[in-house]
């Protein structure tokens, strides 16, 4: 009887896990999580990149539909070189971005049906198509008027190239910039210009698909500036920024591509150098509120590069190792550059 009791007691003890066994199980679970986490993150990143490309396709199709109606691609703005009255506290329709003109073509016409006190208040409404899913920050970095709580956009028009063409000649640019190329807004220097106009989404518009003599498959239409800490996003309504107080203008919805500004440059550099009409400008900001006033720090939170839409409506991912000369050549509509991709 005593022997049977001891055996029964021994069996009861062995029904549980020992501490060593629990530790082994926990270690195995931890190892499996460690192995699976990169795969989950990669799948999530791929899904975000695909969704971003879908947004680009929507915008590219919208631009083509806009072209069918207006016989031109949407303009960055219709800024005519004039400034507002110093007492004016709202933005004029002529200075709105290409995004506003595309609203009816991305099934967002209802947004235009809202009659705000100021057209800039439209930016109080988020438009999902204007956001890259890899960047959770969607509020502006730079407020206009009292616009600090307004929504931005991660997608920009391509205004053209800044620098020299393959023949050593400076690319042309819009001369409506009122200030020197650089202007001391605060400690440090904000780079305000120039207004590149060799691209597809430019001030004044008047760019038709048939005027893209380089070929629509060789010409950029839109690109993304969606990397974290860019720090220079205006609200999505803004086209040309006009300051009465300091008498300067800047581009807000289209950007030029410069030779020394590779994709994702802003992740690694705070300042870069560019050349304009034979003059070298050092310490041009790539991030922060001094950046983004005419030169684009294109890039994204996608691993290794960023998305661009071409004028033929196709969307492509460009590696951050892509030569900046290729980016510049792709940003002009009739530069006659030789492009090999």
C-alpha atoms as a PDB file:
ATOM      1  CA  UNK A   1       0.000   0.000   0.000  1.00  0.00           C
ATOM      2  CA  UNK A   2       2.814   2.364   0.822  1.00  0.00           C
ATOM      3  CA  UNK A   3       4.619   1.580  -2.449  1.00  0.00           C
ATOM      4  CA  UNK A   4       1.472   2.359  -4.519  1.00  0.00           C
ATOM      5  CA  UNK A   5       1.060   5.744  -2.776  1.00  0.00           C
ATOM      6  CA  UNK A   6       4.624   6.728  -3.557  1.00  0.00           C
ATOM      7  CA  UNK A   7       4.215   5.831  -7.241  1.00  0.00           C
ATOM      8  CA  UNK A   8       0.964   7.760  -7.469  1.00  0.00           C
ATOM      9  CA  UNK A   9       2.596  10.805  -5.867  1.00  0.00           C
ATOM     10  CA  UNK A  10       5.552  10.567  -8.279  1.00  0.00           C
ATOM     11  CA  UNK A  11       3.207  10.533 -11.307  1.00  0.00           C
ATOM     12  CA  UNK A  12       1.350  13.583 -10.044  1.00  0.00           C
ATOM     13  CA  UNK A  13       4.591  15.565  -9.753  1.00  0.00           C
ATOM     14  CA  UNK A  14       5.686  14.716 -13.316  1.00  0.00           C
ATOM     15  CA  UNK A  15       2.446  16.053 -14.899  1.00  0.00           C
ATOM     16  CA  UNK A  16       3.778  19.672 -14.798  1.00  0.00           C
ATOM     17  CA  UNK A  17       6.669  21.484 -16.597  1.00  0.00           C
ATOM     18  CA  UNK A  18       9.947  21.988 -14.905  1.00  0.00           C
ATOM     19  CA  UNK A  19      11.534  25.451 -14.842  1.00  0.00           C
ATOM     20  CA  UNK A  20      14.121  24.341 -17.387  1.00  0.00           C
ATOM     21  CA  UNK A  21      11.394  23.124 -19.755  1.00  0.00           C
ATOM     22  CA  UNK A  22       9.521  26.452 -19.447  1.00  0.00           C
ATOM     23  CA  UNK A  23      12.680  28.390 -20.192  1.00  0.00           C
ATOM     24  CA  UNK A  24      13.343  26.246 -23.260  1.00  0.00           C
ATOM     25  CA  UNK A  25       9.800  26.845 -24.552  1.00  0.00           C
ATOM     26  CA  UNK A  26      10.071  30.598 -23.962  1.00  0.00           C
ATOM     27  CA  UNK A  27      13.439  30.655 -25.735  1.00  0.00           C
ATOM     28  CA  UNK A  28      11.990  28.807 -28.743  1.00  0.00           C
ATOM     29  CA  UNK A  29       9.022  31.199 -28.909  1.00  0.00           C
ATOM     30  CA  UNK A  30      11.370  34.174 -28.717  1.00  0.00           C
ATOM     31  CA  UNK A  31      13.536  32.716 -31.483  1.00  0.00           C
ATOM     32  CA  UNK A  32      10.477  32.175 -33.707  1.00  0.00           C
ATOM     33  CA  UNK A  33       9.305  35.750 -33.111  1.00  0.00           C
ATOM     34  CA  UNK A  34      12.792  37.004 -33.946  1.00  0.00           C
ATOM     35  CA  UNK A  35      12.740  35.048 -37.193  1.00  0.00           C
ATOM     36  CA  UNK A  36       9.216  36.108 -38.135  1.00  0.00           C
ATOM     37  CA  UNK A  37       9.442  39.813 -37.244  1.00  0.00           C
ATOM     38  CA  UNK A  38      11.687  40.823 -40.173  1.00  0.00           C
ATOM     39  CA  UNK A  39       9.387  38.950 -42.545  1.00  0.00           C
ATOM     40  CA  UNK A  40       6.331  40.706 -41.088  1.00  0.00           C
ATOM     41  CA  UNK A  41       8.058  44.087 -41.348  1.00  0.00           C
ATOM     42  CA  UNK A  42       9.121  43.359 -44.923  1.00  0.00           C
ATOM     43  CA  UNK A  43       5.569  42.364 -45.850  1.00  0.00           C
ATOM     44  CA  UNK A  44       4.223  45.513 -44.235  1.00  0.00           C
ATOM     45  CA  UNK A  45       6.770  47.656 -46.072  1.00  0.00           C
ATOM     46  CA  UNK A  46       5.929  46.000 -49.391  1.00  0.00           C
ATOM     47  CA  UNK A  47       2.224  46.627 -48.796  1.00  0.00           C
ATOM     48  CA  UNK A  48       2.869  50.304 -48.000  1.00  0.00           C
ATOM     49  CA  UNK A  49       5.010  50.694 -51.092  1.00  0.00           C
ATOM     50  CA  UNK A  50       2.290  49.091 -53.243  1.00  0.00           C
ATOM     51  CA  UNK A  51      -0.390  51.346 -51.742  1.00  0.00           C
ATOM     52  CA  UNK A  52       1.828  54.380 -52.370  1.00  0.00           C
ATOM     53  CA  UNK A  53       2.210  53.324 -56.000  1.00  0.00           C
ATOM     54  CA  UNK A  54      -1.560  52.995 -56.263  1.00  0.00           C
ATOM     55  CA  UNK A  55      -1.888  56.602 -55.074  1.00  0.00           C
ATOM     56  CA  UNK A  56       0.578  57.674 -57.759  1.00  0.00           C
ATOM     57  CA  UNK A  57      -1.410  55.808 -60.403  1.00  0.00           C
ATOM     58  CA  UNK A  58      -4.586  57.560 -59.287  1.00  0.00           C
ATOM     59  CA  UNK A  59      -2.880  60.943 -59.508  1.00  0.00           C
ATOM     60  CA  UNK A  60      -1.319  60.158 -62.893  1.00  0.00           C
ATOM     61  CA  UNK A  61      -4.663  59.010 -64.321  1.00  0.00           C
ATOM     62  CA  UNK A  62      -6.284  62.118 -62.834  1.00  0.00           C
ATOM     63  CA  UNK A  63      -3.668  64.303 -64.525  1.00  0.00           C
ATOM     64  CA  UNK A  64      -4.402  62.638 -67.865  1.00  0.00           C
ATOM     65  CA  UNK A  65      -8.143  63.110 -67.390  1.00  0.00           C
ATOM     66  CA  UNK A  66      -7.527  66.732 -66.473  1.00  0.00           C
ATOM     67  CA  UNK A  67      -5.471  67.041 -69.658  1.00  0.00           C
ATOM     68  CA  UNK A  68      -8.363  65.636 -71.705  1.00  0.00           C
ATOM     69  CA  UNK A  69     -10.603  68.414 -70.379  1.00  0.00           C
ATOM     70  CA  UNK A  70      -8.177  71.346 -70.311  1.00  0.00           C
ATOM     71  CA  UNK A  71      -5.639  70.345 -72.989  1.00  0.00           C
ATOM     72  CA  UNK A  72      -2.820  70.830 -70.502  1.00  0.00           C
ATOM     73  CA  UNK A  73      -1.418  69.143 -67.418  1.00  0.00           C
ATOM     74  CA  UNK A  74      -2.391  70.752 -64.092  1.00  0.00           C
ATOM     75  CA  UNK A  75      -0.286  73.792 -63.264  1.00  0.00           C
ATOM     76  CA  UNK A  76       1.717  74.122 -60.054  1.00  0.00           C
ATOM     77  CA  UNK A  77      -0.111  77.439 -59.711  1.00  0.00           C
ATOM     78  CA  UNK A  78      -1.055  80.400 -61.865  1.00  0.00           C
ATOM     79  CA  UNK A  79       1.129  82.834 -59.942  1.00  0.00           C
ATOM     80  CA  UNK A  80       1.591  85.934 -62.093  1.00  0.00           C
ATOM     81  CA  UNK A  81       4.367  87.621 -60.151  1.00  0.00           C
ATOM     82  CA  UNK A  82       2.101  89.867 -58.081  1.00  0.00           C
ATOM     83  CA  UNK A  83       1.739  90.007 -54.319  1.00  0.00           C
ATOM     84  CA  UNK A  84      -1.357  90.270 -52.214  1.00  0.00           C
ATOM     85  CA  UNK A  85      -2.530  93.401 -50.488  1.00  0.00           C
ATOM     86  CA  UNK A  86      -0.722  93.529 -47.109  1.00  0.00           C
ATOM     87  CA  UNK A  87      -4.083  93.275 -45.344  1.00  0.00           C
ATOM     88  CA  UNK A  88      -5.185  90.226 -47.310  1.00  0.00           C
ATOM     89  CA  UNK A  89      -5.581  87.222 -45.026  1.00  0.00           C
ATOM     90  CA  UNK A  90      -6.528  84.489 -47.435  1.00  0.00           C
ATOM     91  CA  UNK A  91      -5.074  82.759 -50.439  1.00  0.00           C
ATOM     92  CA  UNK A  92      -6.343  83.535 -53.922  1.00  0.00           C
ATOM     93  CA  UNK A  93      -7.538  80.705 -56.130  1.00  0.00           C
ATOM     94  CA  UNK A  94      -4.827  81.475 -58.684  1.00  0.00           C
ATOM     95  CA  UNK A  95      -2.154  80.457 -56.196  1.00  0.00           C
ATOM     96  CA  UNK A  96      -3.632  77.080 -55.315  1.00  0.00           C
ATOM     97  CA  UNK A  97      -1.730  73.885 -56.013  1.00  0.00           C
ATOM     98  CA  UNK A  98      -2.189  71.336 -58.792  1.00  0.00           C
ATOM     99  CA  UNK A  99      -3.759  69.075 -56.146  1.00  0.00           C
ATOM    100  CA  UNK A 100      -6.793  71.352 -55.881  1.00  0.00           C
ATOM    101  CA  UNK A 101      -7.281  71.124 -59.648  1.00  0.00           C
ATOM    102  CA  UNK A 102      -7.124  67.331 -59.508  1.00  0.00           C
ATOM    103  CA  UNK A 103      -9.793  66.925 -56.806  1.00  0.00           C
ATOM    104  CA  UNK A 104     -12.699  66.340 -59.240  1.00  0.00           C
ATOM    105  CA  UNK A 105     -10.620  63.689 -61.010  1.00  0.00           C
ATOM    106  CA  UNK A 106      -9.844  61.629 -57.877  1.00  0.00           C
ATOM    107  CA  UNK A 107     -13.478  61.482 -56.757  1.00  0.00           C
ATOM    108  CA  UNK A 108     -12.999  64.324 -54.285  1.00  0.00           C
ATOM    109  CA  UNK A 109     -15.209  66.935 -55.959  1.00  0.00           C
ATOM    110  CA  UNK A 110     -17.251  67.145 -52.757  1.00  0.00           C
ATOM    111  CA  UNK A 111     -14.293  68.834 -51.085  1.00  0.00           C
ATOM    112  CA  UNK A 112     -14.561  71.681 -53.591  1.00  0.00           C
ATOM    113  CA  UNK A 113     -18.243  71.953 -52.745  1.00  0.00           C
ATOM    114  CA  UNK A 114     -17.314  73.237 -49.302  1.00  0.00           C
ATOM    115  CA  UNK A 115     -17.256  77.037 -49.251  1.00  0.00           C
ATOM    116  CA  UNK A 116     -14.697  77.955 -46.583  1.00  0.00           C
ATOM    117  CA  UNK A 117     -13.995  81.438 -45.289  1.00  0.00           C
ATOM    118  CA  UNK A 118     -10.599  81.002 -46.899  1.00  0.00           C
ATOM    119  CA  UNK A 119      -9.828  78.543 -49.653  1.00  0.00           C
ATOM    120  CA  UNK A 120      -6.802  77.520 -47.630  1.00  0.00           C
ATOM    121  CA  UNK A 121      -9.204  76.091 -45.057  1.00  0.00           C
ATOM    122  CA  UNK A 122      -9.817  73.269 -47.518  1.00  0.00           C
ATOM    123  CA  UNK A 123      -6.584  71.893 -46.093  1.00  0.00           C
ATOM    124  CA  UNK A 124      -8.454  71.191 -42.851  1.00  0.00           C
ATOM    125  CA  UNK A 125      -9.809  68.200 -44.789  1.00  0.00           C
ATOM    126  CA  UNK A 126      -7.418  65.261 -45.235  1.00  0.00           C
ATOM    127  CA  UNK A 127      -7.314  63.687 -48.699  1.00  0.00           C
ATOM    128  CA  UNK A 128      -6.004  60.098 -48.343  1.00  0.00           C
ATOM    129  CA  UNK A 129      -4.707  59.978 -51.943  1.00  0.00           C
ATOM    130  CA  UNK A 130      -2.191  62.704 -51.078  1.00  0.00           C
ATOM    131  CA  UNK A 131      -0.467  60.664 -48.358  1.00  0.00           C
ATOM    132  CA  UNK A 132       2.231  58.014 -48.505  1.00  0.00           C
ATOM    133  CA  UNK A 133       1.272  55.217 -46.065  1.00  0.00           C
ATOM    134  CA  UNK A 134       4.893  54.875 -44.939  1.00  0.00           C
ATOM    135  CA  UNK A 135       4.731  58.273 -43.199  1.00  0.00           C
ATOM    136  CA  UNK A 136       2.239  58.663 -40.367  1.00  0.00           C
ATOM    137  CA  UNK A 137       2.844  62.418 -40.068  1.00  0.00           C
ATOM    138  CA  UNK A 138       0.248  64.219 -42.176  1.00  0.00           C
ATOM    139  CA  UNK A 139       0.027  67.664 -40.558  1.00  0.00           C
ATOM    140  CA  UNK A 140       1.976  70.572 -42.063  1.00  0.00           C
ATOM    141  CA  UNK A 141       5.487  71.419 -40.928  1.00  0.00           C
ATOM    142  CA  UNK A 142       5.141  75.034 -42.087  1.00  0.00           C
ATOM    143  CA  UNK A 143       1.927  76.890 -41.325  1.00  0.00           C
ATOM    144  CA  UNK A 144       0.597  79.657 -43.555  1.00  0.00           C
ATOM    145  CA  UNK A 145      -1.604  82.281 -41.903  1.00  0.00           C
ATOM    146  CA  UNK A 146      -2.869  80.301 -38.872  1.00  0.00           C
ATOM    147  CA  UNK A 147      -2.573  77.003 -40.713  1.00  0.00           C
ATOM    148  CA  UNK A 148      -0.547  74.906 -38.290  1.00  0.00           C
ATOM    149  CA  UNK A 149      -3.307  72.319 -37.949  1.00  0.00           C
ATOM    150  CA  UNK A 150      -3.838  71.804 -41.662  1.00  0.00           C
ATOM    151  CA  UNK A 151      -3.013  68.713 -43.684  1.00  0.00           C
ATOM    152  CA  UNK A 152      -0.018  68.374 -45.970  1.00  0.00           C
ATOM    153  CA  UNK A 153       0.745  66.129 -48.946  1.00  0.00           C
ATOM    154  CA  UNK A 154       3.666  63.794 -49.580  1.00  0.00           C
ATOM    155  CA  UNK A 155       3.346  63.973 -53.379  1.00  0.00           C
ATOM    156  CA  UNK A 156       4.827  66.766 -55.495  1.00  0.00           C
ATOM    157  CA  UNK A 157       4.866  67.843 -59.096  1.00  0.00           C
ATOM    158  CA  UNK A 158       8.158  67.852 -60.980  1.00  0.00           C
ATOM    159  CA  UNK A 159       8.968  71.441 -61.926  1.00  0.00           C
ATOM    160  CA  UNK A 160      12.147  70.591 -63.835  1.00  0.00           C
ATOM    161  CA  UNK A 161      15.915  70.394 -63.471  1.00  0.00           C
ATOM    162  CA  UNK A 162      18.208  72.805 -61.640  1.00  0.00           C
ATOM    163  CA  UNK A 163      21.808  72.966 -62.804  1.00  0.00           C
ATOM    164  CA  UNK A 164      23.464  72.263 -66.154  1.00  0.00           C
ATOM    165  CA  UNK A 165      22.307  70.092 -69.027  1.00  0.00           C
ATOM    166  CA  UNK A 166      24.539  67.457 -70.702  1.00  0.00           C
ATOM    167  CA  UNK A 167      25.978  70.156 -72.948  1.00  0.00           C
ATOM    168  CA  UNK A 168      27.094  72.282 -69.997  1.00  0.00           C
ATOM    169  CA  UNK A 169      24.359  74.879 -70.464  1.00  0.00           C
ATOM    170  CA  UNK A 170      22.266  75.989 -67.470  1.00  0.00           C
ATOM    171  CA  UNK A 171      18.693  74.771 -67.487  1.00  0.00           C
ATOM    172  CA  UNK A 172      16.224  77.629 -67.857  1.00  0.00           C
ATOM    173  CA  UNK A 173      13.999  78.664 -64.974  1.00  0.00           C
ATOM    174  CA  UNK A 174      11.116  81.001 -64.211  1.00  0.00           C
ATOM    175  CA  UNK A 175      12.290  84.547 -63.485  1.00  0.00           C
ATOM    176  CA  UNK A 176       9.294  85.561 -61.343  1.00  0.00           C
ATOM    177  CA  UNK A 177      11.229  84.909 -58.163  1.00  0.00           C
ATOM    178  CA  UNK A 178      11.241  88.268 -56.362  1.00  0.00           C
ATOM    179  CA  UNK A 179      14.247  87.810 -54.135  1.00  0.00           C
ATOM    180  CA  UNK A 180      17.789  86.629 -54.567  1.00  0.00           C
ATOM    181  CA  UNK A 181      18.007  82.860 -54.814  1.00  0.00           C
ATOM    182  CA  UNK A 182      18.764  82.786 -51.107  1.00  0.00           C
ATOM    183  CA  UNK A 183      17.169  84.936 -48.477  1.00  0.00           C
ATOM    184  CA  UNK A 184      17.866  85.208 -44.739  1.00  0.00           C
ATOM    185  CA  UNK A 185      14.538  84.357 -43.153  1.00  0.00           C
ATOM    186  CA  UNK A 186      15.993  83.193 -39.869  1.00  0.00           C
ATOM    187  CA  UNK A 187      19.437  82.176 -38.599  1.00  0.00           C
ATOM    188  CA  UNK A 188      20.745  80.114 -41.447  1.00  0.00           C
ATOM    189  CA  UNK A 189      19.532  80.569 -44.990  1.00  0.00           C
ATOM    190  CA  UNK A 190      16.348  79.365 -46.613  1.00  0.00           C
ATOM    191  CA  UNK A 191      16.786  78.494 -50.254  1.00  0.00           C
ATOM    192  CA  UNK A 192      13.858  80.045 -52.107  1.00  0.00           C
ATOM    193  CA  UNK A 193      14.502  79.357 -55.730  1.00  0.00           C
ATOM    194  CA  UNK A 194      14.850  79.229 -58.559  1.00  0.00           C
ATOM    195  CA  UNK A 195      11.493  78.214 -60.003  1.00  0.00           C
ATOM    196  CA  UNK A 196      12.418  75.364 -62.311  1.00  0.00           C
ATOM    197  CA  UNK A 197      10.148  75.353 -65.367  1.00  0.00           C
ATOM    198  CA  UNK A 198      11.556  72.644 -67.632  1.00  0.00           C
ATOM    199  CA  UNK A 199       9.316  69.964 -66.135  1.00  0.00           C
ATOM    200  CA  UNK A 200       5.666  68.976 -66.373  1.00  0.00           C
ATOM    201  CA  UNK A 201       3.962  70.650 -63.382  1.00  0.00           C
ATOM    202  CA  UNK A 202       5.044  74.277 -63.514  1.00  0.00           C
ATOM    203  CA  UNK A 203       3.816  77.774 -62.744  1.00  0.00           C
ATOM    204  CA  UNK A 204       1.375  78.887 -65.416  1.00  0.00           C
ATOM    205  CA  UNK A 205       0.831  75.395 -66.788  1.00  0.00           C
ATOM    206  CA  UNK A 206       0.483  75.214 -70.574  1.00  0.00           C
ATOM    207  CA  UNK A 207       2.333  71.891 -70.683  1.00  0.00           C
ATOM    208  CA  UNK A 208       0.511  69.454 -72.952  1.00  0.00           C
ATOM    209  CA  UNK A 209       1.411  65.817 -73.436  1.00  0.00           C
ATOM    210  CA  UNK A 210       2.334  66.474 -77.049  1.00  0.00           C
ATOM    211  CA  UNK A 211       4.792  69.167 -75.924  1.00  0.00           C
ATOM    212  CA  UNK A 212       6.836  66.531 -74.047  1.00  0.00           C
ATOM    213  CA  UNK A 213       9.269  65.892 -76.870  1.00  0.00           C
ATOM    214  CA  UNK A 214      11.577  63.789 -74.686  1.00  0.00           C
ATOM    215  CA  UNK A 215       8.773  61.218 -74.569  1.00  0.00           C
ATOM    216  CA  UNK A 216       6.244  60.705 -71.804  1.00  0.00           C
ATOM    217  CA  UNK A 217       7.943  57.468 -70.741  1.00  0.00           C
ATOM    218  CA  UNK A 218      11.194  59.411 -70.206  1.00  0.00           C
ATOM    219  CA  UNK A 219       9.684  62.284 -68.220  1.00  0.00           C
ATOM    220  CA  UNK A 220       8.655  62.533 -64.585  1.00  0.00           C
ATOM    221  CA  UNK A 221       5.240  63.838 -63.597  1.00  0.00           C
ATOM    222  CA  UNK A 222       5.141  63.393 -59.794  1.00  0.00           C
ATOM    223  CA  UNK A 223       7.541  62.302 -57.057  1.00  0.00           C
ATOM    224  CA  UNK A 224       7.338  61.733 -53.339  1.00  0.00           C
ATOM    225  CA  UNK A 225       8.867  63.604 -50.429  1.00  0.00           C
ATOM    226  CA  UNK A 226       7.607  61.410 -47.635  1.00  0.00           C
ATOM    227  CA  UNK A 227      10.661  60.605 -45.546  1.00  0.00           C
ATOM    228  CA  UNK A 228      10.530  61.326 -41.830  1.00  0.00           C
ATOM    229  CA  UNK A 229      11.888  64.663 -40.574  1.00  0.00           C
ATOM    230  CA  UNK A 230      11.700  66.462 -43.930  1.00  0.00           C
ATOM    231  CA  UNK A 231      10.255  69.405 -42.051  1.00  0.00           C
ATOM    232  CA  UNK A 232       9.146  71.534 -45.013  1.00  0.00           C
ATOM    233  CA  UNK A 233       5.632  70.369 -45.895  1.00  0.00           C
ATOM    234  CA  UNK A 234       3.146  73.148 -46.606  1.00  0.00           C
ATOM    235  CA  UNK A 235      -0.571  72.390 -46.663  1.00  0.00           C
ATOM    236  CA  UNK A 236      -1.866  70.572 -49.725  1.00  0.00           C
ATOM    237  CA  UNK A 237      -3.795  73.608 -51.030  1.00  0.00           C
ATOM    238  CA  UNK A 238      -0.681  75.748 -51.401  1.00  0.00           C
ATOM    239  CA  UNK A 239       0.846  76.215 -54.826  1.00  0.00           C
ATOM    240  CA  UNK A 240       3.085  79.265 -54.832  1.00  0.00           C
ATOM    241  CA  UNK A 241       3.814  80.703 -51.402  1.00  0.00           C
ATOM    242  CA  UNK A 242       3.680  84.491 -51.253  1.00  0.00           C
ATOM    243  CA  UNK A 243       4.964  86.584 -48.369  1.00  0.00           C
ATOM    244  CA  UNK A 244       3.884  90.231 -48.381  1.00  0.00           C
ATOM    245  CA  UNK A 245       5.849  90.974 -45.266  1.00  0.00           C
ATOM    246  CA  UNK A 246       9.198  89.806 -46.614  1.00  0.00           C
ATOM    247  CA  UNK A 247       8.371  90.145 -50.308  1.00  0.00           C
ATOM    248  CA  UNK A 248       9.458  86.718 -51.434  1.00  0.00           C
ATOM    249  CA  UNK A 249       7.844  83.780 -53.180  1.00  0.00           C
ATOM    250  CA  UNK A 250       8.520  80.054 -53.038  1.00  0.00           C
ATOM    251  CA  UNK A 251       7.279  76.820 -54.590  1.00  0.00           C
ATOM    252  CA  UNK A 252       5.162  74.602 -52.357  1.00  0.00           C
ATOM    253  CA  UNK A 253       3.568  71.906 -54.534  1.00  0.00           C
ATOM    254  CA  UNK A 254       6.232  71.317 -57.203  1.00  0.00           C
ATOM    255  CA  UNK A 255       9.981  70.988 -56.837  1.00  0.00           C
ATOM    256  CA  UNK A 256      13.028  71.069 -59.045  1.00  0.00           C
ATOM    257  CA  UNK A 257      15.626  68.298 -59.024  1.00  0.00           C
ATOM    258  CA  UNK A 258      19.232  69.393 -58.579  1.00  0.00           C
ATOM    259  CA  UNK A 259      22.446  67.560 -59.412  1.00  0.00           C
ATOM    260  CA  UNK A 260      23.650  67.193 -55.822  1.00  0.00           C
ATOM    261  CA  UNK A 261      20.289  66.130 -54.379  1.00  0.00           C
ATOM    262  CA  UNK A 262      20.072  62.325 -54.695  1.00  0.00           C
ATOM    263  CA  UNK A 263      17.045  60.390 -53.452  1.00  0.00           C
ATOM    264  CA  UNK A 264      16.932  60.264 -49.637  1.00  0.00           C
ATOM    265  CA  UNK A 265      19.766  62.787 -49.392  1.00  0.00           C
ATOM    266  CA  UNK A 266      18.008  64.497 -46.504  1.00  0.00           C
ATOM    267  CA  UNK A 267      18.252  61.385 -44.361  1.00  0.00           C
ATOM    268  CA  UNK A 268      22.023  61.761 -44.362  1.00  0.00           C
ATOM    269  CA  UNK A 269      22.725  65.448 -45.045  1.00  0.00           C
ATOM    270  CA  UNK A 270      21.380  68.636 -43.541  1.00  0.00           C
ATOM    271  CA  UNK A 271      22.960  70.894 -46.182  1.00  0.00           C
ATOM    272  CA  UNK A 272      24.053  70.310 -49.771  1.00  0.00           C
ATOM    273  CA  UNK A 273      25.533  72.310 -52.625  1.00  0.00           C
ATOM    274  CA  UNK A 274      23.917  73.220 -55.940  1.00  0.00           C
ATOM    275  CA  UNK A 275      25.007  75.093 -59.044  1.00  0.00           C
ATOM    276  CA  UNK A 276      22.781  77.625 -60.815  1.00  0.00           C
ATOM    277  CA  UNK A 277      23.799  79.477 -63.960  1.00  0.00           C
ATOM    278  CA  UNK A 278      27.472  78.921 -63.201  1.00  0.00           C
ATOM    279  CA  UNK A 279      27.274  80.035 -59.570  1.00  0.00           C
ATOM    280  CA  UNK A 280      27.836  77.638 -56.672  1.00  0.00           C
ATOM    281  CA  UNK A 281      25.556  77.827 -53.644  1.00  0.00           C
ATOM    282  CA  UNK A 282      26.789  76.063 -50.531  1.00  0.00           C
ATOM    283  CA  UNK A 283      24.790  75.008 -47.498  1.00  0.00           C
ATOM    284  CA  UNK A 284      21.413  74.702 -49.209  1.00  0.00           C
ATOM    285  CA  UNK A 285      19.060  73.112 -46.613  1.00  0.00           C
ATOM    286  CA  UNK A 286      17.710  69.655 -47.404  1.00  0.00           C
ATOM    287  CA  UNK A 287      15.504  69.430 -44.331  1.00  0.00           C
ATOM    288  CA  UNK A 288      13.852  71.743 -41.872  1.00  0.00           C
ATOM    289  CA  UNK A 289      11.785  74.843 -42.560  1.00  0.00           C
ATOM    290  CA  UNK A 290      14.551  76.367 -44.667  1.00  0.00           C
ATOM    291  CA  UNK A 291      14.259  73.507 -47.154  1.00  0.00           C
ATOM    292  CA  UNK A 292      11.764  72.752 -49.851  1.00  0.00           C
ATOM    293  CA  UNK A 293      11.258  76.225 -51.281  1.00  0.00           C
ATOM    294  CA  UNK A 294      12.122  75.252 -54.828  1.00  0.00           C
ATOM    295  CA  UNK A 295      14.541  72.343 -54.658  1.00  0.00           C
ATOM    296  CA  UNK A 296      13.109  68.959 -53.758  1.00  0.00           C
ATOM    297  CA  UNK A 297      14.630  66.589 -51.253  1.00  0.00           C
ATOM    298  CA  UNK A 298      12.836  63.666 -52.884  1.00  0.00           C
ATOM    299  CA  UNK A 299      12.802  60.459 -50.878  1.00  0.00           C
ATOM    300  CA  UNK A 300      10.627  58.221 -48.746  1.00  0.00           C
ATOM    301  CA  UNK A 301      10.413  55.877 -45.785  1.00  0.00           C
ATOM    302  CA  UNK A 302      10.283  52.922 -48.194  1.00  0.00           C
ATOM    303  CA  UNK A 303      13.414  50.852 -47.952  1.00  0.00           C
ATOM    304  CA  UNK A 304      16.094  51.972 -50.383  1.00  0.00           C
ATOM    305  CA  UNK A 305      14.366  54.536 -52.602  1.00  0.00           C
ATOM    306  CA  UNK A 306      11.196  56.366 -53.614  1.00  0.00           C
ATOM    307  CA  UNK A 307       8.323  56.223 -56.087  1.00  0.00           C
ATOM    308  CA  UNK A 308       7.901  58.469 -59.115  1.00  0.00           C
ATOM    309  CA  UNK A 309       5.119  58.674 -61.681  1.00  0.00           C
ATOM    310  CA  UNK A 310       6.019  59.300 -65.302  1.00  0.00           C
ATOM    311  CA  UNK A 311       4.043  61.373 -67.755  1.00  0.00           C
ATOM    312  CA  UNK A 312       2.843  58.220 -69.525  1.00  0.00           C
ATOM    313  CA  UNK A 313       0.987  57.268 -66.342  1.00  0.00           C
ATOM    314  CA  UNK A 314       3.375  54.515 -65.262  1.00  0.00           C
ATOM    315  CA  UNK A 315       4.795  54.363 -61.733  1.00  0.00           C
ATOM    316  CA  UNK A 316       8.339  53.261 -60.928  1.00  0.00           C
ATOM    317  CA  UNK A 317      10.481  52.824 -57.837  1.00  0.00           C
ATOM    318  CA  UNK A 318      13.878  54.522 -58.067  1.00  0.00           C
ATOM    319  CA  UNK A 319      16.746  53.389 -55.867  1.00  0.00           C
ATOM    320  CA  UNK A 320      18.517  55.924 -53.682  1.00  0.00           C
ATOM    321  CA  UNK A 321      21.681  54.985 -55.595  1.00  0.00           C
ATOM    322  CA  UNK A 322      20.188  56.287 -58.861  1.00  0.00           C
ATOM    323  CA  UNK A 323      22.501  58.807 -60.500  1.00  0.00           C
ATOM    324  CA  UNK A 324      21.242  62.350 -59.976  1.00  0.00           C
ATOM    325  CA  UNK A 325      21.987  63.150 -63.597  1.00  0.00           C
ATOM    326  CA  UNK A 326      19.368  60.576 -64.605  1.00  0.00           C
ATOM    327  CA  UNK A 327      16.876  62.139 -62.175  1.00  0.00           C
ATOM    328  CA  UNK A 328      17.553  65.557 -63.689  1.00  0.00           C
ATOM    329  CA  UNK A 329      17.201  64.280 -67.249  1.00  0.00           C
ATOM    330  CA  UNK A 330      13.916  62.577 -66.347  1.00  0.00           C
ATOM    331  CA  UNK A 331      12.648  65.835 -64.840  1.00  0.00           C
ATOM    332  CA  UNK A 332      12.745  67.791 -68.119  1.00  0.00           C
ATOM    333  CA  UNK A 333      10.114  67.543 -70.854  1.00  0.00           C
ATOM    334  CA  UNK A 334      12.183  68.628 -73.854  1.00  0.00           C
ATOM    335  CA  UNK A 335      15.826  68.691 -72.780  1.00  0.00           C
ATOM    336  CA  UNK A 336      16.929  66.236 -75.510  1.00  0.00           C
ATOM    337  CA  UNK A 337      19.020  64.317 -72.973  1.00  0.00           C
ATOM    338  CA  UNK A 338      20.074  60.746 -73.712  1.00  0.00           C
ATOM    339  CA  UNK A 339      18.417  58.519 -71.121  1.00  0.00           C
ATOM    340  CA  UNK A 340      19.347  54.898 -70.467  1.00  0.00           C
ATOM    341  CA  UNK A 341      17.459  53.142 -67.683  1.00  0.00           C
END
